[in-house]
Amino acid sequence: MSGLTSVEIARVCHEANRALQVLEGDPAPSPAWDDAPHWQRASAVDGVRQAQAGATPAQLHEAWCEFKRAEGWTFGPVKDADARTHPCLIPYADLPQSQREKDAVFAAIVAALS
């Protein structure tokens, strides 16, 4: 499947992450790619480019945190797009294993499709 654009790969990564959110019982899973807000799609594309440049899952998480903070998000116990809070805005080492696995899946998808 080589020759895919970073946007096409980001779509696959986004949908895989969304599926994992549903499987884990996330009370606020991401919307489908076509319904996702621009900032969410831009974040996924940025993650793809980071992974293509060799970022590790931990580095992908830290880059995601930087992206979110630049957009005005802060740590909060609940993911809330309106309040711009997210419980994963913490160091990678402090993430639950299930959240670290999402970063690994993201990196693996990028590697497989790039």
PDB file of N, CA and C in Angstrom:
ATOM      1  N   MET A   1       0.817  -1.200   0.000  1.00  0.00           N
ATOM      2  CA  MET A   1       0.000   0.000   0.000  1.00  0.00           C
ATOM      3  C   MET A   1       0.851   1.250   0.000  1.00  0.00           C
ATOM      4  N   SER A   2       2.104   1.137  -0.422  1.00  0.00           N
ATOM      5  CA  SER A   2       2.945   2.326  -0.435  1.00  0.00           C
ATOM      6  C   SER A   2       2.348   3.352  -1.382  1.00  0.00           C
ATOM      7  N   GLY A   3       2.762   4.563  -1.205  1.00  0.00           N
ATOM      8  CA  GLY A   3       2.240   5.640  -2.024  1.00  0.00           C
ATOM      9  C   GLY A   3       1.065   6.370  -1.398  1.00  0.00           C
ATOM     10  N   LEU A   4       0.661   5.943  -0.200  1.00  0.00           N
ATOM     11  CA  LEU A   4      -0.415   6.654   0.489  1.00  0.00           C
ATOM     12  C   LEU A   4       0.097   7.979   1.010  1.00  0.00           C
ATOM     13  N   THR A   5      -0.771   8.968   1.054  1.00  0.00           N
ATOM     14  CA  THR A   5      -0.392  10.267   1.597  1.00  0.00           C
ATOM     15  C   THR A   5      -0.454  10.219   3.125  1.00  0.00           C
ATOM     16  N   SER A   6       0.147  11.206   3.747  1.00  0.00           N
ATOM     17  CA  SER A   6       0.101  11.275   5.206  1.00  0.00           C
ATOM     18  C   SER A   6      -1.332  11.440   5.694  1.00  0.00           C
ATOM     19  N   VAL A   7      -2.166  12.087   4.929  1.00  0.00           N
ATOM     20  CA  VAL A   7      -3.579  12.249   5.312  1.00  0.00           C
ATOM     21  C   VAL A   7      -4.301  10.903   5.252  1.00  0.00           C
ATOM     22  N   GLU A   8      -4.032  10.119   4.216  1.00  0.00           N
ATOM     23  CA  GLU A   8      -4.662   8.801   4.107  1.00  0.00           C
ATOM     24  C   GLU A   8      -4.219   7.878   5.240  1.00  0.00           C
ATOM     25  N   ILE A   9      -2.942   7.927   5.579  1.00  0.00           N
ATOM     26  CA  ILE A   9      -2.452   7.110   6.688  1.00  0.00           C
ATOM     27  C   ILE A   9      -3.048   7.601   8.002  1.00  0.00           C
ATOM     28  N   ALA A  10      -3.157   8.907   8.159  1.00  0.00           N
ATOM     29  CA  ALA A  10      -3.759   9.477   9.377  1.00  0.00           C
ATOM     30  C   ALA A  10      -5.197   9.011   9.543  1.00  0.00           C
ATOM     31  N   ARG A  11      -5.921   8.892   8.447  1.00  0.00           N
ATOM     32  CA  ARG A  11      -7.302   8.402   8.515  1.00  0.00           C
ATOM     33  C   ARG A  11      -7.336   6.985   9.091  1.00  0.00           C
ATOM     34  N   VAL A  12      -6.447   6.118   8.609  1.00  0.00           N
ATOM     35  CA  VAL A  12      -6.398   4.742   9.100  1.00  0.00           C
ATOM     36  C   VAL A  12      -6.041   4.735  10.591  1.00  0.00           C
ATOM     37  N   CYS A  13      -5.029   5.519  10.960  1.00  0.00           N
ATOM     38  CA  CYS A  13      -4.628   5.591  12.370  1.00  0.00           C
ATOM     39  C   CYS A  13      -5.768   6.101  13.241  1.00  0.00           C
ATOM     40  N   HIS A  14      -6.449   7.125  12.788  1.00  0.00           N
ATOM     41  CA  HIS A  14      -7.564   7.702  13.539  1.00  0.00           C
ATOM     42  C   HIS A  14      -8.663   6.664  13.750  1.00  0.00           C
ATOM     43  N   GLU A  15      -9.014   5.958  12.695  1.00  0.00           N
ATOM     44  CA  GLU A  15     -10.095   4.968  12.807  1.00  0.00           C
ATOM     45  C   GLU A  15      -9.687   3.791  13.697  1.00  0.00           C
ATOM     46  N   ALA A  16      -8.406   3.396  13.636  1.00  0.00           N
ATOM     47  CA  ALA A  16      -7.933   2.329  14.524  1.00  0.00           C
ATOM     48  C   ALA A  16      -7.994   2.790  15.979  1.00  0.00           C
ATOM     49  N   ASN A  17      -7.564   4.018  16.233  1.00  0.00           N
ATOM     50  CA  ASN A  17      -7.619   4.563  17.587  1.00  0.00           C
ATOM     51  C   ASN A  17      -9.065   4.651  18.070  1.00  0.00           C
ATOM     52  N   ARG A  18      -9.935   5.065  17.189  1.00  0.00           N
ATOM     53  CA  ARG A  18     -11.361   5.165  17.525  1.00  0.00           C
ATOM     54  C   ARG A  18     -11.922   3.789  17.882  1.00  0.00           C
ATOM     55  N   ALA A  19     -11.557   2.773  17.119  1.00  0.00           N
ATOM     56  CA  ALA A  19     -12.015   1.408  17.400  1.00  0.00           C
ATOM     57  C   ALA A  19     -11.503   0.940  18.761  1.00  0.00           C
ATOM     58  N   LEU A  20     -10.253   1.249  19.087  1.00  0.00           N
ATOM     59  CA  LEU A  20      -9.712   0.879  20.396  1.00  0.00           C
ATOM     60  C   LEU A  20     -10.454   1.617  21.518  1.00  0.00           C
ATOM     61  N   GLN A  21     -10.788   2.863  21.289  1.00  0.00           N
ATOM     62  CA  GLN A  21     -11.553   3.620  22.286  1.00  0.00           C
ATOM     63  C   GLN A  21     -12.889   2.946  22.563  1.00  0.00           C
ATOM     64  N   VAL A  22     -13.565   2.530  21.524  1.00  0.00           N
ATOM     65  CA  VAL A  22     -14.863   1.863  21.674  1.00  0.00           C
ATOM     66  C   VAL A  22     -14.695   0.547  22.423  1.00  0.00           C
ATOM     67  N   LEU A  23     -13.692  -0.238  22.037  1.00  0.00           N
ATOM     68  CA  LEU A  23     -13.443  -1.520  22.694  1.00  0.00           C
ATOM     69  C   LEU A  23     -13.146  -1.356  24.183  1.00  0.00           C
ATOM     70  N   GLU A  24     -12.472  -0.266  24.528  1.00  0.00           N
ATOM     71  CA  GLU A  24     -12.109  -0.014  25.924  1.00  0.00           C
ATOM     72  C   GLU A  24     -13.232   0.651  26.715  1.00  0.00           C
ATOM     73  N   GLY A  25     -14.341   0.951  26.061  1.00  0.00           N
ATOM     74  CA  GLY A  25     -15.456   1.577  26.756  1.00  0.00           C
ATOM     75  C   GLY A  25     -15.266   3.059  27.021  1.00  0.00           C
ATOM     76  N   ASP A  26     -14.449   3.718  26.207  1.00  0.00           N
ATOM     77  CA  ASP A  26     -14.248   5.163  26.353  1.00  0.00           C
ATOM     78  C   ASP A  26     -15.612   5.849  26.289  1.00  0.00           C
ATOM     79  N   PRO A  27     -15.946   6.662  27.304  1.00  0.00           N
ATOM     80  CA  PRO A  27     -17.261   7.310  27.302  1.00  0.00           C
ATOM     81  C   PRO A  27     -17.403   8.402  26.242  1.00  0.00           C
ATOM     82  N   ALA A  28     -16.283   8.846  25.673  1.00  0.00           N
ATOM     83  CA  ALA A  28     -16.331   9.888  24.646  1.00  0.00           C
ATOM     84  C   ALA A  28     -15.370   9.543  23.516  1.00  0.00           C
ATOM     85  N   PRO A  29     -15.663   8.463  22.769  1.00  0.00           N
ATOM     86  CA  PRO A  29     -14.749   8.100  21.682  1.00  0.00           C
ATOM     87  C   PRO A  29     -14.722   9.168  20.597  1.00  0.00           C
ATOM     88  N   SER A  30     -13.623   9.204  19.892  1.00  0.00           N
ATOM     89  CA  SER A  30     -13.490  10.159  18.790  1.00  0.00           C
ATOM     90  C   SER A  30     -14.557   9.899  17.747  1.00  0.00           C
ATOM     91  N   PRO A  31     -14.989  10.955  17.073  1.00  0.00           N
ATOM     92  CA  PRO A  31     -15.926  10.745  15.962  1.00  0.00           C
ATOM     93  C   PRO A  31     -15.203  10.110  14.778  1.00  0.00           C
ATOM     94  N   ALA A  32     -15.958   9.592  13.842  1.00  0.00           N
ATOM     95  CA  ALA A  32     -15.376   9.064  12.610  1.00  0.00           C
ATOM     96  C   ALA A  32     -14.564  10.171  11.932  1.00  0.00           C
ATOM     97  N   TRP A  33     -13.561   9.770  11.152  1.00  0.00           N
ATOM     98  CA  TRP A  33     -12.661  10.720  10.496  1.00  0.00           C
ATOM     99  C   TRP A  33     -13.428  11.839   9.781  1.00  0.00           C
ATOM    100  N   ASP A  34     -14.414  11.475   8.983  1.00  0.00           N
ATOM    101  CA  ASP A  34     -15.147  12.484   8.209  1.00  0.00           C
ATOM    102  C   ASP A  34     -15.930  13.452   9.089  1.00  0.00           C
ATOM    103  N   ASP A  35     -16.229  13.057  10.313  1.00  0.00           N
ATOM    104  CA  ASP A  35     -16.960  13.913  11.243  1.00  0.00           C
ATOM    105  C   ASP A  35     -16.048  14.587  12.259  1.00  0.00           C
ATOM    106  N   ALA A  36     -14.778  14.236  12.263  1.00  0.00           N
ATOM    107  CA  ALA A  36     -13.835  14.777  13.248  1.00  0.00           C
ATOM    108  C   ALA A  36     -13.542  16.246  12.947  1.00  0.00           C
ATOM    109  N   PRO A  37     -13.380  17.041  13.994  1.00  0.00           N
ATOM    110  CA  PRO A  37     -13.032  18.449  13.768  1.00  0.00           C
ATOM    111  C   PRO A  37     -11.647  18.573  13.140  1.00  0.00           C
ATOM    112  N   HIS A  38     -11.420  19.696  12.504  1.00  0.00           N
ATOM    113  CA  HIS A  38     -10.153  19.937  11.803  1.00  0.00           C
ATOM    114  C   HIS A  38      -8.953  19.719  12.721  1.00  0.00           C
ATOM    115  N   TRP A  39      -9.006  20.229  13.955  1.00  0.00           N
ATOM    116  CA  TRP A  39      -7.861  20.113  14.864  1.00  0.00           C
ATOM    117  C   TRP A  39      -7.519  18.649  15.136  1.00  0.00           C
ATOM    118  N   GLN A  40      -8.538  17.780  15.173  1.00  0.00           N
ATOM    119  CA  GLN A  40      -8.287  16.370  15.459  1.00  0.00           C
ATOM    120  C   GLN A  40      -7.634  15.681  14.264  1.00  0.00           C
ATOM    121  N   ARG A  41      -8.093  16.017  13.070  1.00  0.00           N
ATOM    122  CA  ARG A  41      -7.466  15.458  11.870  1.00  0.00           C
ATOM    123  C   ARG A  41      -6.037  15.978  11.722  1.00  0.00           C
ATOM    124  N   ALA A  42      -5.833  17.269  12.008  1.00  0.00           N
ATOM    125  CA  ALA A  42      -4.488  17.859  11.925  1.00  0.00           C
ATOM    126  C   ALA A  42      -3.539  17.194  12.911  1.00  0.00           C
ATOM    127  N   SER A  43      -4.024  16.876  14.085  1.00  0.00           N
ATOM    128  CA  SER A  43      -3.212  16.194  15.091  1.00  0.00           C
ATOM    129  C   SER A  43      -2.783  14.815  14.593  1.00  0.00           C
ATOM    130  N   ALA A  44      -3.687  14.091  13.962  1.00  0.00           N
ATOM    131  CA  ALA A  44      -3.368  12.766  13.429  1.00  0.00           C
ATOM    132  C   ALA A  44      -2.337  12.856  12.303  1.00  0.00           C
ATOM    133  N   VAL A  45      -2.505  13.824  11.421  1.00  0.00           N
ATOM    134  CA  VAL A  45      -1.543  14.008  10.322  1.00  0.00           C
ATOM    135  C   VAL A  45      -0.170  14.359  10.891  1.00  0.00           C
ATOM    136  N   ASP A  46      -0.143  15.231  11.894  1.00  0.00           N
ATOM    137  CA  ASP A  46       1.117  15.585  12.540  1.00  0.00           C
ATOM    138  C   ASP A  46       1.770  14.338  13.141  1.00  0.00           C
ATOM    139  N   GLY A  47       0.970  13.484  13.777  1.00  0.00           N
ATOM    140  CA  GLY A  47       1.490  12.249  14.353  1.00  0.00           C
ATOM    141  C   GLY A  47       2.074  11.327  13.294  1.00  0.00           C
ATOM    142  N   VAL A  48       1.428  11.249  12.161  1.00  0.00           N
ATOM    143  CA  VAL A  48       1.941  10.418  11.061  1.00  0.00           C
ATOM    144  C   VAL A  48       3.303  10.937  10.621  1.00  0.00           C
ATOM    145  N   ARG A  49       3.409  12.225  10.452  1.00  0.00           N
ATOM    146  CA  ARG A  49       4.685  12.799  10.001  1.00  0.00           C
ATOM    147  C   ARG A  49       5.788  12.579  11.033  1.00  0.00           C
ATOM    148  N   GLN A  50       5.435  12.681  12.308  1.00  0.00           N
ATOM    149  CA  GLN A  50       6.405  12.423  13.377  1.00  0.00           C
ATOM    150  C   GLN A  50       6.872  10.961  13.313  1.00  0.00           C
ATOM    151  N   ALA A  51       5.910  10.046  13.159  1.00  0.00           N
ATOM    152  CA  ALA A  51       6.251   8.615  13.104  1.00  0.00           C
ATOM    153  C   ALA A  51       7.097   8.313  11.874  1.00  0.00           C
ATOM    154  N   GLN A  52       6.772   8.934  10.752  1.00  0.00           N
ATOM    155  CA  GLN A  52       7.566   8.715   9.537  1.00  0.00           C
ATOM    156  C   GLN A  52       8.993   9.226   9.703  1.00  0.00           C
ATOM    157  N   ALA A  53       9.171  10.198  10.584  1.00  0.00           N
ATOM    158  CA  ALA A  53      10.507  10.742  10.854  1.00  0.00           C
ATOM    159  C   ALA A  53      11.255   9.915  11.899  1.00  0.00           C
ATOM    160  N   GLY A  54      10.625   8.834  12.380  1.00  0.00           N
ATOM    161  CA  GLY A  54      11.297   7.929  13.296  1.00  0.00           C
ATOM    162  C   GLY A  54      10.938   8.077  14.763  1.00  0.00           C
ATOM    163  N   ALA A  55       9.909   8.846  15.075  1.00  0.00           N
ATOM    164  CA  ALA A  55       9.509   9.022  16.474  1.00  0.00           C
ATOM    165  C   ALA A  55       9.056   7.699  17.081  1.00  0.00           C
ATOM    166  N   THR A  56       9.450   7.477  18.315  1.00  0.00           N
ATOM    167  CA  THR A  56       9.018   6.296  19.066  1.00  0.00           C
ATOM    168  C   THR A  56       7.604   6.542  19.593  1.00  0.00           C
ATOM    169  N   PRO A  57       6.924   5.500  20.065  1.00  0.00           N
ATOM    170  CA  PRO A  57       5.609   5.729  20.675  1.00  0.00           C
ATOM    171  C   PRO A  57       5.658   6.769  21.798  1.00  0.00           C
ATOM    172  N   ALA A  58       6.700   6.754  22.627  1.00  0.00           N
ATOM    173  CA  ALA A  58       6.819   7.749  23.702  1.00  0.00           C
ATOM    174  C   ALA A  58       6.967   9.152  23.121  1.00  0.00           C
ATOM    175  N   GLN A  59       7.762   9.284  22.079  1.00  0.00           N
ATOM    176  CA  GLN A  59       7.938  10.589  21.439  1.00  0.00           C
ATOM    177  C   GLN A  59       6.652  11.042  20.749  1.00  0.00           C
ATOM    178  N   LEU A  60       5.919  10.098  20.180  1.00  0.00           N
ATOM    179  CA  LEU A  60       4.631  10.447  19.575  1.00  0.00           C
ATOM    180  C   LEU A  60       3.682  11.001  20.634  1.00  0.00           C
ATOM    181  N   HIS A  61       3.673  10.370  21.807  1.00  0.00           N
ATOM    182  CA  HIS A  61       2.799  10.854  22.874  1.00  0.00           C
ATOM    183  C   HIS A  61       3.210  12.259  23.308  1.00  0.00           C
ATOM    184  N   GLU A  62       4.507  12.472  23.497  1.00  0.00           N
ATOM    185  CA  GLU A  62       4.970  13.791  23.930  1.00  0.00           C
ATOM    186  C   GLU A  62       4.638  14.849  22.874  1.00  0.00           C
ATOM    187  N   ALA A  63       4.787  14.515  21.590  1.00  0.00           N
ATOM    188  CA  ALA A  63       4.435  15.449  20.516  1.00  0.00           C
ATOM    189  C   ALA A  63       2.937  15.733  20.523  1.00  0.00           C
ATOM    190  N   TRP A  64       2.134  14.694  20.781  1.00  0.00           N
ATOM    191  CA  TRP A  64       0.681  14.868  20.870  1.00  0.00           C
ATOM    192  C   TRP A  64       0.347  15.820  22.017  1.00  0.00           C
ATOM    193  N   CYS A  65       1.010  15.631  23.157  1.00  0.00           N
ATOM    194  CA  CYS A  65       0.780  16.519  24.304  1.00  0.00           C
ATOM    195  C   CYS A  65       1.115  17.965  23.941  1.00  0.00           C
ATOM    196  N   GLU A  66       2.246  18.167  23.271  1.00  0.00           N
ATOM    197  CA  GLU A  66       2.636  19.516  22.857  1.00  0.00           C
ATOM    198  C   GLU A  66       1.600  20.116  21.911  1.00  0.00           C
ATOM    199  N   PHE A  67       1.121  19.306  20.965  1.00  0.00           N
ATOM    200  CA  PHE A  67       0.110  19.764  20.017  1.00  0.00           C
ATOM    201  C   PHE A  67      -1.151  20.181  20.766  1.00  0.00           C
ATOM    202  N   LYS A  68      -1.600  19.326  21.692  1.00  0.00           N
ATOM    203  CA  LYS A  68      -2.823  19.619  22.449  1.00  0.00           C
ATOM    204  C   LYS A  68      -2.653  20.893  23.277  1.00  0.00           C
ATOM    205  N   ARG A  69      -1.530  21.009  23.975  1.00  0.00           N
ATOM    206  CA  ARG A  69      -1.307  22.202  24.812  1.00  0.00           C
ATOM    207  C   ARG A  69      -1.272  23.465  23.964  1.00  0.00           C
ATOM    208  N   ALA A  70      -0.672  23.394  22.782  1.00  0.00           N
ATOM    209  CA  ALA A  70      -0.634  24.551  21.880  1.00  0.00           C
ATOM    210  C   ALA A  70      -2.039  24.954  21.435  1.00  0.00           C
ATOM    211  N   GLU A  71      -2.952  23.991  21.439  1.00  0.00           N
ATOM    212  CA  GLU A  71      -4.347  24.254  21.072  1.00  0.00           C
ATOM    213  C   GLU A  71      -5.191  24.661  22.284  1.00  0.00           C
ATOM    214  N   GLY A  72      -4.557  24.806  23.449  1.00  0.00           N
ATOM    215  CA  GLY A  72      -5.259  25.270  24.633  1.00  0.00           C
ATOM    216  C   GLY A  72      -5.788  24.191  25.550  1.00  0.00           C
ATOM    217  N   TRP A  73      -5.414  22.936  25.306  1.00  0.00           N
ATOM    218  CA  TRP A  73      -5.875  21.839  26.147  1.00  0.00           C
ATOM    219  C   TRP A  73      -5.028  21.757  27.413  1.00  0.00           C
ATOM    220  N   THR A  74      -5.640  21.270  28.485  1.00  0.00           N
ATOM    221  CA  THR A  74      -4.948  21.048  29.753  1.00  0.00           C
ATOM    222  C   THR A  74      -5.343  19.680  30.294  1.00  0.00           C
ATOM    223  N   PHE A  75      -4.580  19.242  31.300  1.00  0.00           N
ATOM    224  CA  PHE A  75      -4.930  17.989  31.954  1.00  0.00           C
ATOM    225  C   PHE A  75      -6.262  18.151  32.670  1.00  0.00           C
ATOM    226  N   GLY A  76      -7.075  17.104  32.594  1.00  0.00           N
ATOM    227  CA  GLY A  76      -8.326  17.035  33.340  1.00  0.00           C
ATOM    228  C   GLY A  76      -8.701  15.583  33.501  1.00  0.00           C
ATOM    229  N   PRO A  77      -9.449  15.262  34.543  1.00  0.00           N
ATOM    230  CA  PRO A  77      -9.782  13.858  34.800  1.00  0.00           C
ATOM    231  C   PRO A  77     -10.706  13.241  33.749  1.00  0.00           C
ATOM    232  N   VAL A  78     -11.332  14.088  32.937  1.00  0.00           N
ATOM    233  CA  VAL A  78     -12.282  13.621  31.927  1.00  0.00           C
ATOM    234  C   VAL A  78     -11.943  14.265  30.587  1.00  0.00           C
ATOM    235  N   LYS A  79     -12.036  13.470  29.515  1.00  0.00           N
ATOM    236  CA  LYS A  79     -11.858  14.015  28.169  1.00  0.00           C
ATOM    237  C   LYS A  79     -13.092  14.837  27.828  1.00  0.00           C
ATOM    238  N   ASP A  80     -12.873  16.126  27.566  1.00  0.00           N
ATOM    239  CA  ASP A  80     -13.980  17.047  27.306  1.00  0.00           C
ATOM    240  C   ASP A  80     -13.523  18.065  26.267  1.00  0.00           C
ATOM    241  N   ALA A  81     -14.004  17.898  25.034  1.00  0.00           N
ATOM    242  CA  ALA A  81     -13.585  18.787  23.946  1.00  0.00           C
ATOM    243  C   ALA A  81     -14.018  20.226  24.189  1.00  0.00           C
ATOM    244  N   ASP A  82     -15.173  20.426  24.798  1.00  0.00           N
ATOM    245  CA  ASP A  82     -15.634  21.790  25.054  1.00  0.00           C
ATOM    246  C   ASP A  82     -14.753  22.490  26.086  1.00  0.00           C
ATOM    247  N   ALA A  83     -14.403  21.779  27.148  1.00  0.00           N
ATOM    248  CA  ALA A  83     -13.548  22.339  28.199  1.00  0.00           C
ATOM    249  C   ALA A  83     -12.067  22.225  27.852  1.00  0.00           C
ATOM    250  N   ARG A  84     -11.774  21.463  26.788  1.00  0.00           N
ATOM    251  CA  ARG A  84     -10.397  21.210  26.349  1.00  0.00           C
ATOM    252  C   ARG A  84      -9.549  20.602  27.469  1.00  0.00           C
ATOM    253  N   THR A  85     -10.101  19.552  28.070  1.00  0.00           N
ATOM    254  CA  THR A  85      -9.357  18.792  29.075  1.00  0.00           C
ATOM    255  C   THR A  85      -9.217  17.348  28.611  1.00  0.00           C
ATOM    256  N   HIS A  86      -8.105  16.725  29.032  1.00  0.00           N
ATOM    257  CA  HIS A  86      -7.856  15.346  28.630  1.00  0.00           C
ATOM    258  C   HIS A  86      -7.019  14.659  29.708  1.00  0.00           C
ATOM    259  N   PRO A  87      -7.431  13.450  30.130  1.00  0.00           N
ATOM    260  CA  PRO A  87      -6.678  12.747  31.170  1.00  0.00           C
ATOM    261  C   PRO A  87      -5.327  12.190  30.714  1.00  0.00           C
ATOM    262  N   CYS A  88      -5.062  12.175  29.414  1.00  0.00           N
ATOM    263  CA  CYS A  88      -3.793  11.637  28.919  1.00  0.00           C
ATOM    264  C   CYS A  88      -2.729  12.717  28.722  1.00  0.00           C
ATOM    265  N   LEU A  89      -3.001  13.931  29.141  1.00  0.00           N
ATOM    266  CA  LEU A  89      -1.992  14.982  29.056  1.00  0.00           C
ATOM    267  C   LEU A  89      -1.053  14.874  30.253  1.00  0.00           C
ATOM    268  N   ILE A  90      -0.355  13.757  30.295  1.00  0.00           N
ATOM    269  CA  ILE A  90       0.593  13.421  31.347  1.00  0.00           C
ATOM    270  C   ILE A  90       1.810  12.790  30.684  1.00  0.00           C
ATOM    271  N   PRO A  91       2.923  12.669  31.408  1.00  0.00           N
ATOM    272  CA  PRO A  91       4.093  12.020  30.811  1.00  0.00           C
ATOM    273  C   PRO A  91       3.776  10.590  30.363  1.00  0.00           C
ATOM    274  N   TYR A  92       4.434  10.170  29.299  1.00  0.00           N
ATOM    275  CA  TYR A  92       4.223   8.841  28.734  1.00  0.00           C
ATOM    276  C   TYR A  92       4.370   7.749  29.788  1.00  0.00           C
ATOM    277  N   ALA A  93       5.384   7.876  30.634  1.00  0.00           N
ATOM    278  CA  ALA A  93       5.640   6.853  31.659  1.00  0.00           C
ATOM    279  C   ALA A  93       4.484   6.706  32.646  1.00  0.00           C
ATOM    280  N   ASP A  94       3.672   7.743  32.766  1.00  0.00           N
ATOM    281  CA  ASP A  94       2.540   7.712  33.702  1.00  0.00           C
ATOM    282  C   ASP A  94       1.240   7.239  33.056  1.00  0.00           C
ATOM    283  N   LEU A  95       1.252   7.026  31.748  1.00  0.00           N
ATOM    284  CA  LEU A  95       0.046   6.565  31.054  1.00  0.00           C
ATOM    285  C   LEU A  95      -0.293   5.127  31.439  1.00  0.00           C
ATOM    286  N   PRO A  96      -1.575   4.809  31.484  1.00  0.00           N
ATOM    287  CA  PRO A  96      -1.951   3.395  31.638  1.00  0.00           C
ATOM    288  C   PRO A  96      -1.440   2.602  30.428  1.00  0.00           C
ATOM    289  N   GLN A  97      -1.193   1.328  30.622  1.00  0.00           N
ATOM    290  CA  GLN A  97      -0.675   0.480  29.544  1.00  0.00           C
ATOM    291  C   GLN A  97      -1.561   0.540  28.305  1.00  0.00           C
ATOM    292  N   SER A  98      -2.874   0.568  28.483  1.00  0.00           N
ATOM    293  CA  SER A  98      -3.775   0.596  27.325  1.00  0.00           C
ATOM    294  C   SER A  98      -3.561   1.843  26.475  1.00  0.00           C
ATOM    295  N   GLN A  99      -3.224   2.946  27.098  1.00  0.00           N
ATOM    296  CA  GLN A  99      -2.968   4.178  26.347  1.00  0.00           C
ATOM    297  C   GLN A  99      -1.620   4.107  25.634  1.00  0.00           C
ATOM    298  N   ARG A 100      -0.630   3.497  26.267  1.00  0.00           N
ATOM    299  CA  ARG A 100       0.677   3.323  25.615  1.00  0.00           C
ATOM    300  C   ARG A 100       0.541   2.422  24.393  1.00  0.00           C
ATOM    301  N   GLU A 101      -0.339   1.423  24.499  1.00  0.00           N
ATOM    302  CA  GLU A 101      -0.554   0.516  23.371  1.00  0.00           C
ATOM    303  C   GLU A 101      -1.134   1.253  22.173  1.00  0.00           C
ATOM    304  N   LYS A 102      -1.969   2.257  22.407  1.00  0.00           N
ATOM    305  CA  LYS A 102      -2.519   3.040  21.291  1.00  0.00           C
ATOM    306  C   LYS A 102      -1.406   3.749  20.522  1.00  0.00           C
ATOM    307  N   ASP A 103      -0.419   4.281  21.261  1.00  0.00           N
ATOM    308  CA  ASP A 103       0.707   4.931  20.596  1.00  0.00           C
ATOM    309  C   ASP A 103       1.514   3.915  19.785  1.00  0.00           C
ATOM    310  N   ALA A 104       1.683   2.701  20.322  1.00  0.00           N
ATOM    311  CA  ALA A 104       2.408   1.656  19.604  1.00  0.00           C
ATOM    312  C   ALA A 104       1.650   1.224  18.348  1.00  0.00           C
ATOM    313  N   VAL A 105       0.345   1.104  18.446  1.00  0.00           N
ATOM    314  CA  VAL A 105      -0.478   0.734  17.288  1.00  0.00           C
ATOM    315  C   VAL A 105      -0.377   1.820  16.221  1.00  0.00           C
ATOM    316  N   PHE A 106      -0.450   3.081  16.638  1.00  0.00           N
ATOM    317  CA  PHE A 106      -0.333   4.201  15.715  1.00  0.00           C
ATOM    318  C   PHE A 106       0.990   4.102  14.951  1.00  0.00           C
ATOM    319  N   ALA A 107       2.095   3.920  15.687  1.00  0.00           N
ATOM    320  CA  ALA A 107       3.417   3.836  15.048  1.00  0.00           C
ATOM    321  C   ALA A 107       3.497   2.638  14.113  1.00  0.00           C
ATOM    322  N   ALA A 108       2.911   1.514  14.514  1.00  0.00           N
ATOM    323  CA  ALA A 108       2.948   0.324  13.668  1.00  0.00           C
ATOM    324  C   ALA A 108       2.160   0.507  12.380  1.00  0.00           C
ATOM    325  N   ILE A 109       1.027   1.162  12.469  1.00  0.00           N
ATOM    326  CA  ILE A 109       0.231   1.432  11.262  1.00  0.00           C
ATOM    327  C   ILE A 109       1.016   2.323  10.306  1.00  0.00           C
ATOM    328  N   VAL A 110       1.620   3.371  10.851  1.00  0.00           N
ATOM    329  CA  VAL A 110       2.413   4.271  10.000  1.00  0.00           C
ATOM    330  C   VAL A 110       3.544   3.497   9.335  1.00  0.00           C
ATOM    331  N   ALA A 111       4.247   2.671  10.095  1.00  0.00           N
ATOM    332  CA  ALA A 111       5.351   1.901   9.522  1.00  0.00           C
ATOM    333  C   ALA A 111       4.860   0.948   8.433  1.00  0.00           C
ATOM    334  N   ALA A 112       3.720   0.346   8.647  1.00  0.00           N
ATOM    335  CA  ALA A 112       3.191  -0.622   7.681  1.00  0.00           C
ATOM    336  C   ALA A 112       2.712   0.052   6.394  1.00  0.00           C
ATOM    337  N   LEU A 113       2.211   1.263   6.512  1.00  0.00           N
ATOM    338  CA  LEU A 113       1.610   1.916   5.343  1.00  0.00           C
ATOM    339  C   LEU A 113       2.504   2.938   4.655  1.00  0.00           C
ATOM    340  N   SER A 114       3.640   3.234   5.248  1.00  0.00           N
ATOM    341  CA  SER A 114       4.535   4.244   4.660  1.00  0.00           C
ATOM    342  C   SER A 114       5.503   3.614   3.677  1.00  0.00           C
TER     343      SER A 114
END
